[in-house]
């Protein structure tokens, strides 16, 4: 069974979070001081939107509550199939929660 990530446009609260985040990206690779890692999601504060100095990178297990689920169609289903295969072959670790 394919991993079920939330679709783009979903609004969530993170654990211990006080602001809503809108998911704008998935499968993000980051270059950190300790080395390269990846996260399930990239998000921005809702309703402000994109601010390059205020982005959030988090994983599915960091989500506390889903407020709104984004749009899904057959392309979303295909993306999830590709994501599952990508996650099996990626050689960098998943970013650990802060």
PDB file of N, CA and C in Angstrom:
ATOM      1  N   UNK A   1       0.844  -1.194   0.000  1.00  0.00           N
ATOM      2  CA  UNK A   1       0.000   0.000   0.000  1.00  0.00           C
ATOM      3  C   UNK A   1       0.882   1.247   0.000  1.00  0.00           C
ATOM      4  N   UNK A   2       0.567   2.165  -0.863  1.00  0.00           N
ATOM      5  CA  UNK A   2       1.351   3.388  -0.987  1.00  0.00           C
ATOM      6  C   UNK A   2       1.194   4.268   0.256  1.00  0.00           C
ATOM      7  N   UNK A   3       2.257   4.972   0.563  1.00  0.00           N
ATOM      8  CA  UNK A   3       2.226   5.931   1.658  1.00  0.00           C
ATOM      9  C   UNK A   3       1.216   7.015   1.313  1.00  0.00           C
ATOM     10  N   UNK A   4       0.452   7.436   2.275  1.00  0.00           N
ATOM     11  CA  UNK A   4      -0.583   8.448   2.042  1.00  0.00           C
ATOM     12  C   UNK A   4      -0.149   9.800   2.591  1.00  0.00           C
ATOM     13  N   UNK A   5       0.507  10.592   1.783  1.00  0.00           N
ATOM     14  CA  UNK A   5       0.819  11.955   2.181  1.00  0.00           C
ATOM     15  C   UNK A   5      -0.379  12.841   1.897  1.00  0.00           C
ATOM     16  N   UNK A   6      -0.460  13.945   2.590  1.00  0.00           N
ATOM     17  CA  UNK A   6      -1.519  14.908   2.329  1.00  0.00           C
ATOM     18  C   UNK A   6      -1.253  15.616   1.004  1.00  0.00           C
ATOM     19  N   UNK A   7      -2.310  15.952   0.275  1.00  0.00           N
ATOM     20  CA  UNK A   7      -2.120  16.653  -0.997  1.00  0.00           C
ATOM     21  C   UNK A   7      -1.738  18.121  -0.799  1.00  0.00           C
ATOM     22  N   UNK A   8      -1.210  18.700  -1.870  1.00  0.00           N
ATOM     23  CA  UNK A   8      -0.894  20.130  -1.864  1.00  0.00           C
ATOM     24  C   UNK A   8      -2.146  20.925  -1.524  1.00  0.00           C
ATOM     25  N   UNK A   9      -1.956  22.022  -0.814  1.00  0.00           N
ATOM     26  CA  UNK A   9      -3.078  22.871  -0.432  1.00  0.00           C
ATOM     27  C   UNK A   9      -3.712  22.495   0.885  1.00  0.00           C
ATOM     28  N   UNK A  10      -3.300  21.369   1.465  1.00  0.00           N
ATOM     29  CA  UNK A  10      -3.853  20.961   2.757  1.00  0.00           C
ATOM     30  C   UNK A  10      -3.402  21.937   3.835  1.00  0.00           C
ATOM     31  N   UNK A  11      -4.294  22.178   4.808  1.00  0.00           N
ATOM     32  CA  UNK A  11      -3.978  23.025   5.959  1.00  0.00           C
ATOM     33  C   UNK A  11      -3.859  22.151   7.186  1.00  0.00           C
ATOM     34  N   UNK A  12      -2.766  22.361   7.941  1.00  0.00           N
ATOM     35  CA  UNK A  12      -2.507  21.523   9.109  1.00  0.00           C
ATOM     36  C   UNK A  12      -2.007  22.355  10.283  1.00  0.00           C
ATOM     37  N   UNK A  13      -2.147  21.776  11.470  1.00  0.00           N
ATOM     38  CA  UNK A  13      -1.431  22.229  12.652  1.00  0.00           C
ATOM     39  C   UNK A  13      -0.381  21.179  12.958  1.00  0.00           C
ATOM     40  N   UNK A  14       0.826  21.620  13.279  1.00  0.00           N
ATOM     41  CA  UNK A  14       1.861  20.696  13.720  1.00  0.00           C
ATOM     42  C   UNK A  14       1.703  20.469  15.216  1.00  0.00           C
ATOM     43  N   UNK A  15       2.289  19.396  15.706  1.00  0.00           N
ATOM     44  CA  UNK A  15       2.302  19.149  17.145  1.00  0.00           C
ATOM     45  C   UNK A  15       2.937  20.350  17.820  1.00  0.00           C
ATOM     46  N   UNK A  16       2.313  20.837  18.857  1.00  0.00           N
ATOM     47  CA  UNK A  16       2.785  22.021  19.593  1.00  0.00           C
ATOM     48  C   UNK A  16       2.669  23.300  18.763  1.00  0.00           C
ATOM     49  N   UNK A  17       2.055  23.234  17.578  1.00  0.00           N
ATOM     50  CA  UNK A  17       1.953  24.393  16.698  1.00  0.00           C
ATOM     51  C   UNK A  17       0.807  25.321  17.078  1.00  0.00           C
ATOM     52  N   UNK A  18       0.971  26.594  16.743  1.00  0.00           N
ATOM     53  CA  UNK A  18      -0.052  27.594  17.044  1.00  0.00           C
ATOM     54  C   UNK A  18      -0.544  28.319  15.794  1.00  0.00           C
ATOM     55  N   UNK A  19       0.025  28.003  14.635  1.00  0.00           N
ATOM     56  CA  UNK A  19      -0.409  28.620  13.381  1.00  0.00           C
ATOM     57  C   UNK A  19      -0.741  27.522  12.378  1.00  0.00           C
ATOM     58  N   UNK A  20      -1.658  27.824  11.477  1.00  0.00           N
ATOM     59  CA  UNK A  20      -1.983  26.890  10.401  1.00  0.00           C
ATOM     60  C   UNK A  20      -0.895  26.973   9.342  1.00  0.00           C
ATOM     61  N   UNK A  21      -0.534  25.809   8.807  1.00  0.00           N
ATOM     62  CA  UNK A  21       0.420  25.751   7.700  1.00  0.00           C
ATOM     63  C   UNK A  21      -0.268  25.161   6.486  1.00  0.00           C
ATOM     64  N   UNK A  22       0.029  25.728   5.314  1.00  0.00           N
ATOM     65  CA  UNK A  22      -0.468  25.193   4.054  1.00  0.00           C
ATOM     66  C   UNK A  22       0.678  24.438   3.388  1.00  0.00           C
ATOM     67  N   UNK A  23       0.412  23.203   2.992  1.00  0.00           N
ATOM     68  CA  UNK A  23       1.416  22.382   2.335  1.00  0.00           C
ATOM     69  C   UNK A  23       1.578  22.857   0.893  1.00  0.00           C
ATOM     70  N   UNK A  24       2.837  23.191   0.539  1.00  0.00           N
ATOM     71  CA  UNK A  24       3.119  23.686  -0.816  1.00  0.00           C
ATOM     72  C   UNK A  24       4.126  22.822  -1.561  1.00  0.00           C
ATOM     73  N   UNK A  25       4.679  21.809  -0.886  1.00  0.00           N
ATOM     74  CA  UNK A  25       5.652  20.935  -1.536  1.00  0.00           C
ATOM     75  C   UNK A  25       5.789  19.634  -0.780  1.00  0.00           C
ATOM     76  N   UNK A  26       6.264  18.593  -1.489  1.00  0.00           N
ATOM     77  CA  UNK A  26       6.455  17.279  -0.873  1.00  0.00           C
ATOM     78  C   UNK A  26       7.724  16.650  -1.409  1.00  0.00           C
ATOM     79  N   UNK A  27       8.378  15.856  -0.552  1.00  0.00           N
ATOM     80  CA  UNK A  27       9.629  15.212  -0.957  1.00  0.00           C
ATOM     81  C   UNK A  27      10.734  16.222  -1.153  1.00  0.00           C
ATOM     82  N   UNK A  28      10.923  17.088  -0.183  1.00  0.00           N
ATOM     83  CA  UNK A  28      11.885  18.187  -0.287  1.00  0.00           C
ATOM     84  C   UNK A  28      13.256  17.733   0.206  1.00  0.00           C
ATOM     85  N   UNK A  29      14.287  17.938  -0.601  1.00  0.00           N
ATOM     86  CA  UNK A  29      15.655  17.647  -0.195  1.00  0.00           C
ATOM     87  C   UNK A  29      16.301  18.939   0.304  1.00  0.00           C
ATOM     88  N   UNK A  30      16.931  18.846   1.487  1.00  0.00           N
ATOM     89  CA  UNK A  30      17.542  20.009   2.131  1.00  0.00           C
ATOM     90  C   UNK A  30      19.027  19.765   2.354  1.00  0.00           C
ATOM     91  N   UNK A  31      19.807  20.810   2.238  1.00  0.00           N
ATOM     92  CA  UNK A  31      21.233  20.748   2.537  1.00  0.00           C
ATOM     93  C   UNK A  31      21.430  21.434   3.883  1.00  0.00           C
ATOM     94  N   UNK A  32      21.653  20.635   4.924  1.00  0.00           N
ATOM     95  CA  UNK A  32      21.863  21.169   6.264  1.00  0.00           C
ATOM     96  C   UNK A  32      23.322  21.006   6.655  1.00  0.00           C
ATOM     97  N   UNK A  33      23.723  21.663   7.740  1.00  0.00           N
ATOM     98  CA  UNK A  33      25.118  21.595   8.186  1.00  0.00           C
ATOM     99  C   UNK A  33      25.577  20.160   8.405  1.00  0.00           C
ATOM    100  N   UNK A  34      24.693  19.320   8.947  1.00  0.00           N
ATOM    101  CA  UNK A  34      25.057  17.928   9.238  1.00  0.00           C
ATOM    102  C   UNK A  34      25.014  17.046   7.991  1.00  0.00           C
ATOM    103  N   UNK A  35      24.542  17.586   6.877  1.00  0.00           N
ATOM    104  CA  UNK A  35      24.450  16.828   5.635  1.00  0.00           C
ATOM    105  C   UNK A  35      23.074  16.941   5.003  1.00  0.00           C
ATOM    106  N   UNK A  36      22.900  16.282   3.882  1.00  0.00           N
ATOM    107  CA  UNK A  36      21.632  16.334   3.170  1.00  0.00           C
ATOM    108  C   UNK A  36      20.591  15.446   3.851  1.00  0.00           C
ATOM    109  N   UNK A  37      19.353  15.934   3.878  1.00  0.00           N
ATOM    110  CA  UNK A  37      18.216  15.199   4.422  1.00  0.00           C
ATOM    111  C   UNK A  37      17.013  15.493   3.539  1.00  0.00           C
ATOM    112  N   UNK A  38      15.920  14.763   3.772  1.00  0.00           N
ATOM    113  CA  UNK A  38      14.677  15.085   3.072  1.00  0.00           C
ATOM    114  C   UNK A  38      13.524  15.149   4.067  1.00  0.00           C
ATOM    115  N   UNK A  39      12.473  15.850   3.675  1.00  0.00           N
ATOM    116  CA  UNK A  39      11.264  15.932   4.485  1.00  0.00           C
ATOM    117  C   UNK A  39      10.064  15.589   3.616  1.00  0.00           C
ATOM    118  N   UNK A  40       8.982  15.174   4.281  1.00  0.00           N
ATOM    119  CA  UNK A  40       7.757  14.884   3.549  1.00  0.00           C
ATOM    120  C   UNK A  40       7.141  16.151   2.969  1.00  0.00           C
ATOM    121  N   UNK A  41       7.200  17.246   3.722  1.00  0.00           N
ATOM    122  CA  UNK A  41       6.459  18.450   3.332  1.00  0.00           C
ATOM    123  C   UNK A  41       7.271  19.732   3.451  1.00  0.00           C
ATOM    124  N   UNK A  42       6.878  20.708   2.647  1.00  0.00           N
ATOM    125  CA  UNK A  42       7.254  22.106   2.825  1.00  0.00           C
ATOM    126  C   UNK A  42       5.944  22.851   3.025  1.00  0.00           C
ATOM    127  N   UNK A  43       5.932  23.779   3.966  1.00  0.00           N
ATOM    128  CA  UNK A  43       4.706  24.518   4.232  1.00  0.00           C
ATOM    129  C   UNK A  43       4.968  25.983   4.477  1.00  0.00           C
ATOM    130  N   UNK A  44       3.898  26.756   4.365  1.00  0.00           N
ATOM    131  CA  UNK A  44       3.953  28.191   4.627  1.00  0.00           C
ATOM    132  C   UNK A  44       2.820  28.543   5.583  1.00  0.00           C
ATOM    133  N   UNK A  45       3.006  29.650   6.298  1.00  0.00           N
ATOM    134  CA  UNK A  45       1.984  30.103   7.236  1.00  0.00           C
ATOM    135  C   UNK A  45       0.750  30.536   6.462  1.00  0.00           C
ATOM    136  N   UNK A  46      -0.393  30.091   6.919  1.00  0.00           N
ATOM    137  CA  UNK A  46      -1.673  30.463   6.320  1.00  0.00           C
ATOM    138  C   UNK A  46      -2.297  31.556   7.171  1.00  0.00           C
ATOM    139  N   UNK A  47      -2.799  32.636   6.630  1.00  0.00           N
ATOM    140  CA  UNK A  47      -3.061  32.911   5.230  1.00  0.00           C
ATOM    141  C   UNK A  47      -1.989  33.749   4.544  1.00  0.00           C
ATOM    142  N   UNK A  48      -0.872  34.008   5.206  1.00  0.00           N
ATOM    143  CA  UNK A  48       0.154  34.883   4.627  1.00  0.00           C
ATOM    144  C   UNK A  48       0.743  34.330   3.341  1.00  0.00           C
ATOM    145  N   UNK A  49       1.024  33.026   3.297  1.00  0.00           N
ATOM    146  CA  UNK A  49       1.602  32.431   2.103  1.00  0.00           C
ATOM    147  C   UNK A  49       3.110  32.477   2.111  1.00  0.00           C
ATOM    148  N   UNK A  50       3.693  32.446   0.918  1.00  0.00           N
ATOM    149  CA  UNK A  50       5.138  32.295   0.745  1.00  0.00           C
ATOM    150  C   UNK A  50       5.920  33.479   1.282  1.00  0.00           C
ATOM    151  N   UNK A  51       6.914  33.167   2.109  1.00  0.00           N
ATOM    152  CA  UNK A  51       7.895  34.129   2.596  1.00  0.00           C
ATOM    153  C   UNK A  51       9.195  33.333   2.695  1.00  0.00           C
ATOM    154  N   UNK A  52      10.198  33.639   1.876  1.00  0.00           N
ATOM    155  CA  UNK A  52      11.413  32.816   1.847  1.00  0.00           C
ATOM    156  C   UNK A  52      12.120  32.704   3.199  1.00  0.00           C
ATOM    157  N   UNK A  53      11.865  33.632   4.106  1.00  0.00           N
ATOM    158  CA  UNK A  53      12.507  33.589   5.413  1.00  0.00           C
ATOM    159  C   UNK A  53      11.652  32.890   6.464  1.00  0.00           C
ATOM    160  N   UNK A  54      10.473  32.405   6.081  1.00  0.00           N
ATOM    161  CA  UNK A  54       9.576  31.810   7.065  1.00  0.00           C
ATOM    162  C   UNK A  54       8.913  30.548   6.512  1.00  0.00           C
ATOM    163  N   UNK A  55       9.725  29.639   5.977  1.00  0.00           N
ATOM    164  CA  UNK A  55       9.202  28.378   5.479  1.00  0.00           C
ATOM    165  C   UNK A  55       9.353  27.286   6.525  1.00  0.00           C
ATOM    166  N   UNK A  56       8.535  26.283   6.430  1.00  0.00           N
ATOM    167  CA  UNK A  56       8.573  25.156   7.366  1.00  0.00           C
ATOM    168  C   UNK A  56       8.800  23.870   6.585  1.00  0.00           C
ATOM    169  N   UNK A  57       9.624  23.013   7.139  1.00  0.00           N
ATOM    170  CA  UNK A  57       9.892  21.703   6.565  1.00  0.00           C
ATOM    171  C   UNK A  57       9.578  20.678   7.645  1.00  0.00           C
ATOM    172  N   UNK A  58       8.684  19.738   7.319  1.00  0.00           N
ATOM    173  CA  UNK A  58       8.218  18.817   8.355  1.00  0.00           C
ATOM    174  C   UNK A  58       7.795  17.497   7.729  1.00  0.00           C
ATOM    175  N   UNK A  59       7.572  16.525   8.598  1.00  0.00           N
ATOM    176  CA  UNK A  59       7.210  15.181   8.166  1.00  0.00           C
ATOM    177  C   UNK A  59       5.779  14.844   8.564  1.00  0.00           C
ATOM    178  N   UNK A  60       5.285  13.796   7.958  1.00  0.00           N
ATOM    179  CA  UNK A  60       3.916  13.365   8.208  1.00  0.00           C
ATOM    180  C   UNK A  60       3.658  13.139   9.695  1.00  0.00           C
ATOM    181  N   UNK A  61       4.627  12.574  10.381  1.00  0.00           N
ATOM    182  CA  UNK A  61       4.450  12.292  11.807  1.00  0.00           C
ATOM    183  C   UNK A  61       4.430  13.544  12.679  1.00  0.00           C
ATOM    184  N   UNK A  62       4.807  14.705  12.126  1.00  0.00           N
ATOM    185  CA  UNK A  62       4.775  15.965  12.863  1.00  0.00           C
ATOM    186  C   UNK A  62       3.400  16.624  12.836  1.00  0.00           C
ATOM    187  N   UNK A  63       2.516  16.147  11.966  1.00  0.00           N
ATOM    188  CA  UNK A  63       1.178  16.748  11.824  1.00  0.00           C
ATOM    189  C   UNK A  63       0.304  16.307  12.987  1.00  0.00           C
ATOM    190  N   UNK A  64      -0.279  17.290  13.662  1.00  0.00           N
ATOM    191  CA  UNK A  64      -1.175  17.017  14.786  1.00  0.00           C
ATOM    192  C   UNK A  64      -2.629  16.946  14.333  1.00  0.00           C
ATOM    193  N   UNK A  65      -3.011  17.921  13.478  1.00  0.00           N
ATOM    194  CA  UNK A  65      -4.409  17.980  13.052  1.00  0.00           C
ATOM    195  C   UNK A  65      -4.506  18.505  11.627  1.00  0.00           C
ATOM    196  N   UNK A  66      -5.354  17.858  10.835  1.00  0.00           N
ATOM    197  CA  UNK A  66      -5.629  18.309   9.472  1.00  0.00           C
ATOM    198  C   UNK A  66      -6.883  19.170   9.522  1.00  0.00           C
ATOM    199  N   UNK A  67      -6.757  20.418   9.091  1.00  0.00           N
ATOM    200  CA  UNK A  67      -7.877  21.363   9.087  1.00  0.00           C
ATOM    201  C   UNK A  67      -8.635  21.268   7.769  1.00  0.00           C
ATOM    202  N   UNK A  68      -7.887  21.107   6.678  1.00  0.00           N
ATOM    203  CA  UNK A  68      -8.475  21.041   5.339  1.00  0.00           C
ATOM    204  C   UNK A  68      -7.604  20.145   4.482  1.00  0.00           C
ATOM    205  N   UNK A  69      -8.211  19.268   3.745  1.00  0.00           N
ATOM    206  CA  UNK A  69      -7.478  18.375   2.847  1.00  0.00           C
ATOM    207  C   UNK A  69      -7.513  18.967   1.437  1.00  0.00           C
ATOM    208  N   UNK A  70      -6.334  19.086   0.808  1.00  0.00           N
ATOM    209  CA  UNK A  70      -6.212  19.685  -0.515  1.00  0.00           C
ATOM    210  C   UNK A  70      -6.821  18.832  -1.617  1.00  0.00           C
ATOM    211  N   UNK A  71      -6.758  19.357  -2.822  1.00  0.00           N
ATOM    212  CA  UNK A  71      -7.350  18.738  -4.013  1.00  0.00           C
ATOM    213  C   UNK A  71      -6.646  17.437  -4.371  1.00  0.00           C
ATOM    214  N   UNK A  72      -7.426  16.430  -4.753  1.00  0.00           N
ATOM    215  CA  UNK A  72      -6.881  15.142  -5.167  1.00  0.00           C
ATOM    216  C   UNK A  72      -7.549  14.695  -6.458  1.00  0.00           C
ATOM    217  N   UNK A  73      -6.756  14.119  -7.359  1.00  0.00           N
ATOM    218  CA  UNK A  73      -7.270  13.549  -8.596  1.00  0.00           C
ATOM    219  C   UNK A  73      -6.360  12.408  -9.023  1.00  0.00           C
ATOM    220  N   UNK A  74      -6.483  11.935 -10.248  1.00  0.00           N
ATOM    221  CA  UNK A  74      -5.666  10.806 -10.689  1.00  0.00           C
ATOM    222  C   UNK A  74      -4.175  11.149 -10.738  1.00  0.00           C
ATOM    223  N   UNK A  75      -3.840  12.410 -10.990  1.00  0.00           N
ATOM    224  CA  UNK A  75      -2.434  12.801 -10.980  1.00  0.00           C
ATOM    225  C   UNK A  75      -1.857  12.726  -9.573  1.00  0.00           C
ATOM    226  N   UNK A  76      -2.675  13.062  -8.589  1.00  0.00           N
ATOM    227  CA  UNK A  76      -2.258  12.933  -7.191  1.00  0.00           C
ATOM    228  C   UNK A  76      -1.965  11.465  -6.870  1.00  0.00           C
ATOM    229  N   UNK A  77      -2.839  10.574  -7.311  1.00  0.00           N
ATOM    230  CA  UNK A  77      -2.624   9.141  -7.082  1.00  0.00           C
ATOM    231  C   UNK A  77      -1.327   8.679  -7.725  1.00  0.00           C
ATOM    232  N   UNK A  78      -1.060   9.140  -8.927  1.00  0.00           N
ATOM    233  CA  UNK A  78       0.185   8.782  -9.623  1.00  0.00           C
ATOM    234  C   UNK A  78       1.385   9.344  -8.879  1.00  0.00           C
ATOM    235  N   UNK A  79       1.278  10.570  -8.386  1.00  0.00           N
ATOM    236  CA  UNK A  79       2.372  11.169  -7.619  1.00  0.00           C
ATOM    237  C   UNK A  79       2.711  10.296  -6.419  1.00  0.00           C
ATOM    238  N   UNK A  80       1.702   9.802  -5.721  1.00  0.00           N
ATOM    239  CA  UNK A  80       1.944   8.985  -4.547  1.00  0.00           C
ATOM    240  C   UNK A  80       2.656   7.685  -4.910  1.00  0.00           C
ATOM    241  N   UNK A  81       2.340   7.105  -6.050  1.00  0.00           N
ATOM    242  CA  UNK A  81       3.046   5.902  -6.506  1.00  0.00           C
ATOM    243  C   UNK A  81       4.526   6.212  -6.751  1.00  0.00           C
ATOM    244  N   UNK A  82       4.788   7.322  -7.426  1.00  0.00           N
ATOM    245  CA  UNK A  82       6.160   7.726  -7.711  1.00  0.00           C
ATOM    246  C   UNK A  82       6.898   8.064  -6.414  1.00  0.00           C
ATOM    247  N   UNK A  83       6.225   8.754  -5.499  1.00  0.00           N
ATOM    248  CA  UNK A  83       6.842   9.135  -4.229  1.00  0.00           C
ATOM    249  C   UNK A  83       7.262   7.904  -3.437  1.00  0.00           C
ATOM    250  N   UNK A  84       6.400   6.903  -3.401  1.00  0.00           N
ATOM    251  CA  UNK A  84       6.708   5.675  -2.671  1.00  0.00           C
ATOM    252  C   UNK A  84       7.969   5.022  -3.241  1.00  0.00           C
ATOM    253  N   UNK A  85       8.086   4.955  -4.554  1.00  0.00           N
ATOM    254  CA  UNK A  85       9.277   4.383  -5.184  1.00  0.00           C
ATOM    255  C   UNK A  85      10.511   5.238  -4.903  1.00  0.00           C
ATOM    256  N   UNK A  86      10.363   6.560  -4.971  1.00  0.00           N
ATOM    257  CA  UNK A  86      11.462   7.481  -4.697  1.00  0.00           C
ATOM    258  C   UNK A  86      11.961   7.286  -3.275  1.00  0.00           C
ATOM    259  N   UNK A  87      11.051   7.153  -2.336  1.00  0.00           N
ATOM    260  CA  UNK A  87      11.431   7.005  -0.935  1.00  0.00           C
ATOM    261  C   UNK A  87      12.180   5.685  -0.688  1.00  0.00           C
ATOM    262  N   UNK A  88      11.893   4.661  -1.474  1.00  0.00           N
ATOM    263  CA  UNK A  88      12.600   3.380  -1.355  1.00  0.00           C
ATOM    264  C   UNK A  88      14.038   3.471  -1.850  1.00  0.00           C
ATOM    265  N   UNK A  89      14.307   4.394  -2.778  1.00  0.00           N
ATOM    266  CA  UNK A  89      15.625   4.450  -3.400  1.00  0.00           C
ATOM    267  C   UNK A  89      16.483   5.618  -2.932  1.00  0.00           C
ATOM    268  N   UNK A  90      15.909   6.573  -2.228  1.00  0.00           N
ATOM    269  CA  UNK A  90      16.685   7.750  -1.820  1.00  0.00           C
ATOM    270  C   UNK A  90      17.762   7.332  -0.829  1.00  0.00           C
ATOM    271  N   UNK A  91      18.929   7.898  -0.976  1.00  0.00           N
ATOM    272  CA  UNK A  91      20.066   7.498  -0.164  1.00  0.00           C
ATOM    273  C   UNK A  91      20.367   8.464   0.983  1.00  0.00           C
ATOM    274  N   UNK A  92      19.640   9.560   1.081  1.00  0.00           N
ATOM    275  CA  UNK A  92      19.858  10.495   2.186  1.00  0.00           C
ATOM    276  C   UNK A  92      18.802  10.219   3.261  1.00  0.00           C
ATOM    277  N   UNK A  93      19.111  10.513   4.525  1.00  0.00           N
ATOM    278  CA  UNK A  93      18.150  10.228   5.595  1.00  0.00           C
ATOM    279  C   UNK A  93      17.002  11.236   5.640  1.00  0.00           C
ATOM    280  N   UNK A  94      15.939  10.822   6.291  1.00  0.00           N
ATOM    281  CA  UNK A  94      14.807  11.700   6.533  1.00  0.00           C
ATOM    282  C   UNK A  94      15.154  12.613   7.701  1.00  0.00           C
ATOM    283  N   UNK A  95      14.798  13.883   7.578  1.00  0.00           N
ATOM    284  CA  UNK A  95      15.067  14.863   8.642  1.00  0.00           C
ATOM    285  C   UNK A  95      14.301  14.446   9.886  1.00  0.00           C
ATOM    286  N   UNK A  96      14.976  14.511  11.020  1.00  0.00           N
ATOM    287  CA  UNK A  96      14.359  14.192  12.296  1.00  0.00           C
ATOM    288  C   UNK A  96      13.624  15.410  12.824  1.00  0.00           C
ATOM    289  N   UNK A  97      12.551  15.186  13.536  1.00  0.00           N
ATOM    290  CA  UNK A  97      11.774  16.274  14.127  1.00  0.00           C
ATOM    291  C   UNK A  97      12.634  17.027  15.127  1.00  0.00           C
ATOM    292  N   UNK A  98      12.414  18.334  15.169  1.00  0.00           N
ATOM    293  CA  UNK A  98      13.182  19.181  16.111  1.00  0.00           C
ATOM    294  C   UNK A  98      12.698  18.997  17.525  1.00  0.00           C
TER     295      UNK A  98
END
